[in-house]
Structure formats: C-alpha cells, structure tokens
Amino acid sequence: MCMNRKLILCVGVLISALVASAQTKNEYQGHFPTENVKMGMESNKGKNKPKRKHISYLYTVDSKNILYGNPCAVEATRKMGFEYVVQPLGIPGSPDEKDYELNNFLVKMKLFFTRSPFWKAILNKRIRECAEKSGDIVG
C-alpha cells in the first residue's frame, strides 16, 4: 500500500515537471509575429524577442518649455528614455514635493549616466527643433 502511494507521488511529480518545462518554452509566445520575417530565421527564439524600453517619468509642476502634447517632443523625450508628467502640487493622490524631488533626482542621474552629461542640452535642442517644425514658437 505504501509503495503504491510513493509510485503515484513520483509519477505526479514527473508529470508536473514536464508540464512546467513545456510552459517555459512558450514564454515569448505573445511577443512574436506568427510568421518568420527573414528567410532562414526562426522567429520564436529568445534572441529575437522585441526589445522593450522602460520609460521613466519626470514630474513637473507646469508644462512650460516642454511642449506637452506635441507628438514630436513626446517622441524626443521617449527616445531619451523618459517622459514628462505634469502634476501640480496639492492635488489629492499625487506625490508630495519630497517624492517629486527624489524621483526626478534618480531619473536625472540615470539620464546622466546612460545618455550623456549633456542630455538636457541635447533634449532642449530637439524640443526647439520640434517647436519650429510644428509652428509652436511665437515671435
């Protein structure tokens, strides 16, 4: 009687291990197209997984000089790896001033090391170009 229980337990563990290993092969299933894009390349491999970019948020109290809502400016900030979020102080549910400063400090440090020490000047130039292209500059 005891031997049968051990056998059933071993078979159950073996089956669950096989099911778990079969599930890990399909972990990229939702990220791939159904067809191969290039000849001779298998599309459902981990090395062909599309790269996803983590977008950080820089909080600002007003939308002055950031062209908030301009698609070109939003794309320029996303290429840098962040996005501006307008959050006036004192709104219920929004972070307080200390949280703003901590988040913005960490995001700016990340940009300093990943993009360039001159990331702000580069971004301002791109935003200025976007404003000229879209006609947002007055004067």
N, C-alpha and C. Protein backbone atom coordinates (compact mmCIF):
# COMPACT_ATOMS: atom_id res chain seq x y z
N MET A 1 0.82 -1.20 0.00
CA MET A 1 0.00 0.00 0.00
C MET A 1 0.87 1.26 0.00
N CYS A 2 1.91 1.28 0.80
CA CYS A 2 2.80 2.43 0.90
C CYS A 2 3.60 2.59 -0.40
N MET A 3 3.96 1.49 -1.04
CA MET A 3 4.71 1.54 -2.29
C MET A 3 3.87 2.17 -3.40
N ASN A 4 2.57 1.92 -3.44
CA ASN A 4 1.68 2.49 -4.44
C ASN A 4 1.59 4.01 -4.29
N ARG A 5 1.55 4.49 -3.06
CA ARG A 5 1.48 5.93 -2.81
C ARG A 5 2.76 6.62 -3.29
N LYS A 6 3.90 5.99 -3.03
CA LYS A 6 5.17 6.56 -3.46
C LYS A 6 5.25 6.59 -4.99
N LEU A 7 4.76 5.53 -5.62
CA LEU A 7 4.77 5.47 -7.07
C LEU A 7 3.87 6.56 -7.67
N ILE A 8 2.69 6.72 -7.10
CA ILE A 8 1.76 7.75 -7.57
C ILE A 8 2.36 9.14 -7.36
N LEU A 9 3.00 9.34 -6.23
CA LEU A 9 3.63 10.63 -5.93
C LEU A 9 4.77 10.92 -6.92
N CYS A 10 5.59 9.93 -7.20
CA CYS A 10 6.70 10.10 -8.16
C CYS A 10 6.18 10.41 -9.56
N VAL A 11 5.15 9.69 -9.99
CA VAL A 11 4.56 9.94 -11.31
C VAL A 11 3.96 11.34 -11.37
N GLY A 12 3.31 11.77 -10.31
CA GLY A 12 2.71 13.12 -10.25
C GLY A 12 3.77 14.21 -10.34
N VAL A 13 4.87 14.02 -9.62
CA VAL A 13 5.97 14.99 -9.67
C VAL A 13 6.59 15.03 -11.06
N LEU A 14 6.77 13.88 -11.67
CA LEU A 14 7.35 13.80 -13.00
C LEU A 14 6.46 14.50 -14.03
N ILE A 15 5.17 14.28 -13.96
CA ILE A 15 4.23 14.91 -14.90
C ILE A 15 4.22 16.42 -14.70
N SER A 16 4.21 16.88 -13.45
CA SER A 16 4.19 18.33 -13.22
C SER A 16 5.49 18.98 -13.69
N ALA A 17 6.62 18.29 -13.56
CA ALA A 17 7.88 18.83 -14.05
C ALA A 17 7.87 18.94 -15.57
N LEU A 18 7.30 17.96 -16.25
CA LEU A 18 7.20 18.01 -17.71
C LEU A 18 6.29 19.14 -18.17
N VAL A 19 5.17 19.33 -17.48
CA VAL A 19 4.25 20.41 -17.83
C VAL A 19 4.93 21.76 -17.61
N ALA A 20 5.67 21.91 -16.52
CA ALA A 20 6.36 23.18 -16.23
C ALA A 20 7.42 23.47 -17.27
N SER A 21 8.16 22.46 -17.70
CA SER A 21 9.20 22.71 -18.70
C SER A 21 8.58 23.04 -20.06
N ALA A 22 7.43 22.48 -20.37
CA ALA A 22 6.76 22.79 -21.63
C ALA A 22 6.24 24.23 -21.62
N GLN A 23 5.86 24.75 -20.46
CA GLN A 23 5.35 26.11 -20.39
C GLN A 23 6.46 27.14 -20.56
N THR A 24 7.67 26.85 -20.15
CA THR A 24 8.75 27.82 -20.27
C THR A 24 9.16 28.03 -21.73
N LYS A 25 8.92 27.08 -22.59
CA LYS A 25 9.26 27.24 -23.99
C LYS A 25 8.38 28.27 -24.66
N ASN A 26 7.18 28.49 -24.16
CA ASN A 26 6.23 29.42 -24.76
C ASN A 26 6.16 30.75 -24.03
N GLU A 27 7.21 31.12 -23.29
CA GLU A 27 7.14 32.35 -22.52
C GLU A 27 7.14 33.59 -23.41
N TYR A 28 7.65 33.51 -24.64
CA TYR A 28 7.68 34.64 -25.55
C TYR A 28 6.53 34.59 -26.56
N GLN A 29 5.56 33.75 -26.34
CA GLN A 29 4.50 33.50 -27.32
C GLN A 29 3.78 34.78 -27.74
N GLY A 30 3.45 35.66 -26.80
CA GLY A 30 2.70 36.86 -27.15
C GLY A 30 3.53 37.96 -27.76
N HIS A 31 4.84 37.80 -27.83
CA HIS A 31 5.71 38.87 -28.30
C HIS A 31 6.15 38.70 -29.74
N PHE A 32 5.84 37.60 -30.36
CA PHE A 32 6.36 37.32 -31.69
C PHE A 32 5.27 37.35 -32.75
N PRO A 33 5.65 37.70 -33.97
CA PRO A 33 4.69 37.57 -35.07
C PRO A 33 4.49 36.10 -35.39
N THR A 34 3.42 35.80 -36.09
CA THR A 34 3.13 34.41 -36.41
C THR A 34 3.96 33.90 -37.57
N GLU A 35 4.58 34.79 -38.32
CA GLU A 35 5.38 34.38 -39.47
C GLU A 35 6.83 34.77 -39.24
N ASN A 36 7.71 34.07 -39.94
CA ASN A 36 9.11 34.48 -39.94
C ASN A 36 9.26 35.70 -40.83
N VAL A 37 10.05 36.64 -40.37
CA VAL A 37 10.24 37.87 -41.12
C VAL A 37 11.38 37.72 -42.11
N LYS A 38 12.46 37.07 -41.70
CA LYS A 38 13.62 36.90 -42.57
C LYS A 38 13.76 35.43 -42.95
N MET A 39 14.29 35.22 -44.13
CA MET A 39 14.50 33.86 -44.59
C MET A 39 15.53 33.17 -43.71
N GLY A 40 15.26 31.96 -43.33
CA GLY A 40 16.20 31.17 -42.56
C GLY A 40 16.27 31.52 -41.09
N MET A 41 15.44 32.43 -40.61
CA MET A 41 15.47 32.82 -39.21
C MET A 41 14.23 32.30 -38.52
N GLU A 42 14.42 31.63 -37.43
CA GLU A 42 13.28 31.14 -36.66
C GLU A 42 12.81 32.27 -35.76
N SER A 43 11.54 32.62 -35.85
CA SER A 43 11.06 33.81 -35.16
C SER A 43 10.86 33.59 -33.67
N ASN A 44 10.55 32.40 -33.24
CA ASN A 44 10.20 32.18 -31.84
C ASN A 44 11.40 31.76 -31.01
N LYS A 45 12.42 32.59 -30.98
CA LYS A 45 13.59 32.36 -30.15
C LYS A 45 13.80 33.56 -29.25
N GLY A 46 14.41 33.32 -28.11
CA GLY A 46 14.62 34.40 -27.15
C GLY A 46 15.47 35.53 -27.68
N LYS A 47 16.46 35.23 -28.51
CA LYS A 47 17.32 36.29 -29.03
C LYS A 47 16.59 37.19 -30.01
N ASN A 48 15.48 36.74 -30.56
CA ASN A 48 14.71 37.55 -31.50
C ASN A 48 13.55 38.29 -30.83
N LYS A 49 13.49 38.19 -29.50
CA LYS A 49 12.42 38.87 -28.76
C LYS A 49 12.53 40.38 -28.97
N PRO A 50 11.42 41.06 -29.22
CA PRO A 50 11.49 42.51 -29.40
C PRO A 50 11.99 43.19 -28.13
N LYS A 51 12.79 44.22 -28.30
CA LYS A 51 13.32 44.93 -27.14
C LYS A 51 12.28 45.91 -26.64
N ARG A 52 12.07 45.91 -25.35
CA ARG A 52 11.11 46.81 -24.74
C ARG A 52 11.88 47.87 -23.96
N LYS A 53 11.43 49.08 -24.05
CA LYS A 53 12.12 50.18 -23.41
C LYS A 53 11.34 50.60 -22.17
N HIS A 54 12.04 50.71 -21.06
CA HIS A 54 11.41 51.17 -19.83
C HIS A 54 11.43 52.69 -19.82
N ILE A 55 10.25 53.29 -19.76
CA ILE A 55 10.13 54.74 -19.77
C ILE A 55 10.02 55.23 -18.33
N SER A 56 10.92 56.12 -17.93
CA SER A 56 10.86 56.74 -16.62
C SER A 56 10.04 58.03 -16.73
N TYR A 57 9.60 58.55 -15.59
CA TYR A 57 8.78 59.75 -15.58
C TYR A 57 9.46 60.86 -14.81
N LEU A 58 9.52 62.04 -15.41
CA LEU A 58 10.00 63.25 -14.74
C LEU A 58 8.78 64.10 -14.42
N TYR A 59 8.56 64.36 -13.15
CA TYR A 59 7.41 65.16 -12.74
C TYR A 59 7.73 66.64 -12.87
N THR A 60 6.76 67.40 -13.33
CA THR A 60 6.89 68.84 -13.41
C THR A 60 5.59 69.47 -12.95
N VAL A 61 5.69 70.68 -12.39
CA VAL A 61 4.51 71.35 -11.84
C VAL A 61 3.72 72.04 -12.95
N ASP A 62 4.41 72.59 -13.95
CA ASP A 62 3.72 73.21 -15.07
C ASP A 62 4.32 72.72 -16.39
N SER A 63 3.65 73.01 -17.48
CA SER A 63 4.09 72.48 -18.77
C SER A 63 4.90 73.49 -19.56
N LYS A 64 5.49 74.46 -18.88
CA LYS A 64 6.27 75.49 -19.56
C LYS A 64 7.56 74.89 -20.15
N ASN A 65 7.83 75.20 -21.40
CA ASN A 65 9.04 74.82 -22.14
C ASN A 65 9.22 73.32 -22.37
N ILE A 66 8.17 72.51 -22.23
CA ILE A 66 8.33 71.08 -22.51
C ILE A 66 7.48 70.63 -23.70
N LEU A 67 6.69 71.54 -24.27
CA LEU A 67 5.80 71.22 -25.40
C LEU A 67 4.95 69.99 -25.10
N TYR A 68 4.31 69.99 -23.96
CA TYR A 68 3.49 68.85 -23.56
C TYR A 68 2.34 68.70 -24.55
N GLY A 69 2.20 67.53 -25.13
CA GLY A 69 1.15 67.25 -26.10
C GLY A 69 1.62 67.31 -27.54
N ASN A 70 2.81 67.84 -27.78
CA ASN A 70 3.37 67.87 -29.12
C ASN A 70 3.96 66.49 -29.42
N PRO A 71 3.46 65.78 -30.43
CA PRO A 71 3.94 64.42 -30.69
C PRO A 71 5.43 64.33 -30.95
N CYS A 72 5.99 65.31 -31.61
CA CYS A 72 7.43 65.30 -31.90
C CYS A 72 8.23 65.42 -30.61
N ALA A 73 7.81 66.29 -29.71
CA ALA A 73 8.52 66.48 -28.43
C ALA A 73 8.37 65.25 -27.54
N VAL A 74 7.19 64.65 -27.54
CA VAL A 74 6.98 63.44 -26.74
C VAL A 74 7.87 62.32 -27.26
N GLU A 75 7.99 62.20 -28.58
CA GLU A 75 8.85 61.18 -29.18
C GLU A 75 10.32 61.44 -28.85
N ALA A 76 10.71 62.72 -28.82
CA ALA A 76 12.11 63.06 -28.48
C ALA A 76 12.43 62.66 -27.04
N THR A 77 11.50 62.90 -26.12
CA THR A 77 11.75 62.52 -24.73
C THR A 77 11.73 61.01 -24.56
N ARG A 78 10.87 60.33 -25.29
CA ARG A 78 10.84 58.87 -25.19
C ARG A 78 12.11 58.23 -25.74
N LYS A 79 12.68 58.83 -26.78
CA LYS A 79 13.95 58.32 -27.29
C LYS A 79 15.05 58.46 -26.26
N MET A 80 14.95 59.50 -25.42
CA MET A 80 15.92 59.68 -24.34
C MET A 80 15.66 58.70 -23.19
N GLY A 81 14.45 58.14 -23.10
CA GLY A 81 14.15 57.15 -22.07
C GLY A 81 13.28 57.65 -20.95
N PHE A 82 12.63 58.79 -21.14
CA PHE A 82 11.74 59.30 -20.09
C PHE A 82 10.59 60.05 -20.74
N GLU A 83 9.66 60.47 -19.90
CA GLU A 83 8.53 61.25 -20.35
C GLU A 83 8.16 62.22 -19.25
N TYR A 84 7.81 63.44 -19.64
CA TYR A 84 7.37 64.43 -18.66
C TYR A 84 5.94 64.15 -18.24
N VAL A 85 5.66 64.31 -16.94
CA VAL A 85 4.31 64.18 -16.41
C VAL A 85 4.00 65.46 -15.64
N VAL A 86 2.95 66.16 -16.05
CA VAL A 86 2.56 67.39 -15.38
C VAL A 86 1.68 67.01 -14.19
N GLN A 87 2.18 67.34 -13.00
CA GLN A 87 1.46 67.04 -11.75
C GLN A 87 1.53 68.26 -10.84
N PRO A 88 0.52 69.15 -10.87
CA PRO A 88 0.55 70.29 -9.96
C PRO A 88 0.52 69.83 -8.50
N LEU A 89 1.23 70.55 -7.65
CA LEU A 89 1.29 70.19 -6.23
C LEU A 89 -0.06 70.39 -5.57
N GLY A 90 -0.34 69.57 -4.58
CA GLY A 90 -1.55 69.72 -3.79
C GLY A 90 -2.76 68.96 -4.30
N ILE A 91 -2.66 68.29 -5.41
CA ILE A 91 -3.78 67.50 -5.92
C ILE A 91 -3.83 66.20 -5.15
N PRO A 92 -5.01 65.81 -4.63
CA PRO A 92 -5.09 64.56 -3.88
C PRO A 92 -4.67 63.36 -4.74
N GLY A 93 -3.84 62.50 -4.15
CA GLY A 93 -3.38 61.31 -4.84
C GLY A 93 -2.07 61.49 -5.58
N SER A 94 -1.62 62.73 -5.73
CA SER A 94 -0.34 62.96 -6.41
C SER A 94 0.79 62.95 -5.38
N PRO A 95 2.00 62.66 -5.82
CA PRO A 95 3.12 62.63 -4.87
C PRO A 95 3.39 64.02 -4.28
N ASP A 96 3.93 64.03 -3.07
CA ASP A 96 4.26 65.32 -2.47
C ASP A 96 5.61 65.81 -3.00
N GLU A 97 6.03 66.99 -2.55
CA GLU A 97 7.23 67.63 -3.11
C GLU A 97 8.49 66.80 -2.88
N LYS A 98 8.57 66.14 -1.74
CA LYS A 98 9.74 65.30 -1.44
C LYS A 98 9.84 64.12 -2.42
N ASP A 99 8.70 63.49 -2.71
CA ASP A 99 8.68 62.38 -3.66
C ASP A 99 9.01 62.85 -5.08
N TYR A 100 8.50 64.05 -5.46
CA TYR A 100 8.86 64.63 -6.76
C TYR A 100 10.37 64.75 -6.89
N GLU A 101 10.98 65.37 -5.89
CA GLU A 101 12.41 65.64 -5.96
C GLU A 101 13.23 64.37 -5.99
N LEU A 102 12.85 63.38 -5.18
CA LEU A 102 13.59 62.12 -5.16
C LEU A 102 13.48 61.40 -6.51
N ASN A 103 12.27 61.31 -7.04
CA ASN A 103 12.07 60.65 -8.33
C ASN A 103 12.83 61.38 -9.43
N ASN A 104 12.70 62.70 -9.48
CA ASN A 104 13.37 63.46 -10.52
C ASN A 104 14.88 63.35 -10.41
N PHE A 105 15.41 63.33 -9.18
CA PHE A 105 16.86 63.18 -8.99
C PHE A 105 17.34 61.84 -9.54
N LEU A 106 16.62 60.77 -9.22
CA LEU A 106 17.02 59.44 -9.68
C LEU A 106 16.93 59.32 -11.20
N VAL A 107 15.89 59.86 -11.79
CA VAL A 107 15.73 59.80 -13.25
C VAL A 107 16.81 60.63 -13.93
N LYS A 108 17.12 61.80 -13.39
CA LYS A 108 18.17 62.64 -13.99
C LYS A 108 19.55 62.00 -13.85
N MET A 109 19.79 61.30 -12.76
CA MET A 109 21.06 60.59 -12.61
C MET A 109 21.15 59.46 -13.63
N LYS A 110 20.04 58.76 -13.83
CA LYS A 110 20.02 57.69 -14.84
C LYS A 110 20.31 58.26 -16.22
N LEU A 111 19.70 59.40 -16.56
CA LEU A 111 19.94 60.02 -17.85
C LEU A 111 21.38 60.51 -17.98
N PHE A 112 21.95 61.01 -16.89
CA PHE A 112 23.33 61.49 -16.88
C PHE A 112 24.29 60.38 -17.26
N PHE A 113 24.06 59.17 -16.70
CA PHE A 113 24.98 58.07 -16.95
C PHE A 113 24.65 57.27 -18.21
N THR A 114 23.39 57.22 -18.62
CA THR A 114 23.04 56.41 -19.79
C THR A 114 23.07 57.21 -21.08
N ARG A 115 22.69 58.47 -21.05
CA ARG A 115 22.63 59.27 -22.28
C ARG A 115 23.88 60.12 -22.45
N SER A 116 24.09 61.05 -21.53
CA SER A 116 25.24 61.93 -21.63
C SER A 116 25.14 62.94 -20.49
N PRO A 117 26.25 63.50 -20.05
CA PRO A 117 26.15 64.59 -19.09
C PRO A 117 25.43 65.81 -19.68
N PHE A 118 25.36 65.88 -21.00
CA PHE A 118 24.71 67.00 -21.67
C PHE A 118 23.32 66.63 -22.19
N TRP A 119 22.65 65.68 -21.55
CA TRP A 119 21.36 65.21 -22.03
C TRP A 119 20.33 66.32 -22.09
N LYS A 120 20.37 67.24 -21.13
CA LYS A 120 19.38 68.32 -21.08
C LYS A 120 19.57 69.27 -22.26
N ALA A 121 20.82 69.61 -22.60
CA ALA A 121 21.07 70.50 -23.74
C ALA A 121 20.66 69.82 -25.05
N ILE A 122 20.95 68.54 -25.18
CA ILE A 122 20.56 67.79 -26.38
C ILE A 122 19.05 67.76 -26.52
N LEU A 123 18.36 67.51 -25.41
CA LEU A 123 16.90 67.45 -25.44
C LEU A 123 16.31 68.82 -25.74
N ASN A 124 16.85 69.88 -25.15
CA ASN A 124 16.33 71.22 -25.44
C ASN A 124 16.49 71.58 -26.91
N LYS A 125 17.58 71.16 -27.52
CA LYS A 125 17.78 71.41 -28.95
C LYS A 125 16.73 70.66 -29.77
N ARG A 126 16.48 69.40 -29.41
CA ARG A 126 15.47 68.61 -30.14
C ARG A 126 14.07 69.20 -29.96
N ILE A 127 13.76 69.65 -28.75
CA ILE A 127 12.44 70.24 -28.49
C ILE A 127 12.30 71.55 -29.25
N ARG A 128 13.37 72.35 -29.32
CA ARG A 128 13.35 73.59 -30.09
C ARG A 128 13.10 73.30 -31.58
N GLU A 129 13.74 72.26 -32.10
CA GLU A 129 13.52 71.86 -33.49
C GLU A 129 12.07 71.42 -33.71
N CYS A 130 11.53 70.69 -32.75
CA CYS A 130 10.12 70.25 -32.86
C CYS A 130 9.19 71.46 -32.85
N ALA A 131 9.50 72.45 -32.02
CA ALA A 131 8.66 73.65 -31.95
C ALA A 131 8.72 74.41 -33.26
N GLU A 132 9.89 74.49 -33.87
CA GLU A 132 10.00 75.18 -35.16
C GLU A 132 9.25 74.45 -36.26
N LYS A 133 9.35 73.12 -36.27
CA LYS A 133 8.67 72.34 -37.30
C LYS A 133 7.15 72.43 -37.20
N SER A 134 6.64 72.44 -35.95
CA SER A 134 5.19 72.42 -35.76
C SER A 134 4.60 73.82 -35.66
N GLY A 135 5.44 74.87 -35.59
CA GLY A 135 4.93 76.23 -35.50
C GLY A 135 4.53 76.63 -34.10
N ASP A 136 5.06 75.96 -33.08
CA ASP A 136 4.74 76.30 -31.70
C ASP A 136 5.53 77.49 -31.17
N ILE A 137 6.55 77.92 -31.89
CA ILE A 137 7.33 79.09 -31.46
C ILE A 137 6.60 80.35 -31.91
N VAL A 138 6.39 81.24 -30.98
CA VAL A 138 5.73 82.51 -31.28
C VAL A 138 6.80 83.61 -31.24
N GLY A 139 6.84 84.42 -32.28
CA GLY A 139 7.76 85.55 -32.26
C GLY A 139 8.89 85.47 -33.18
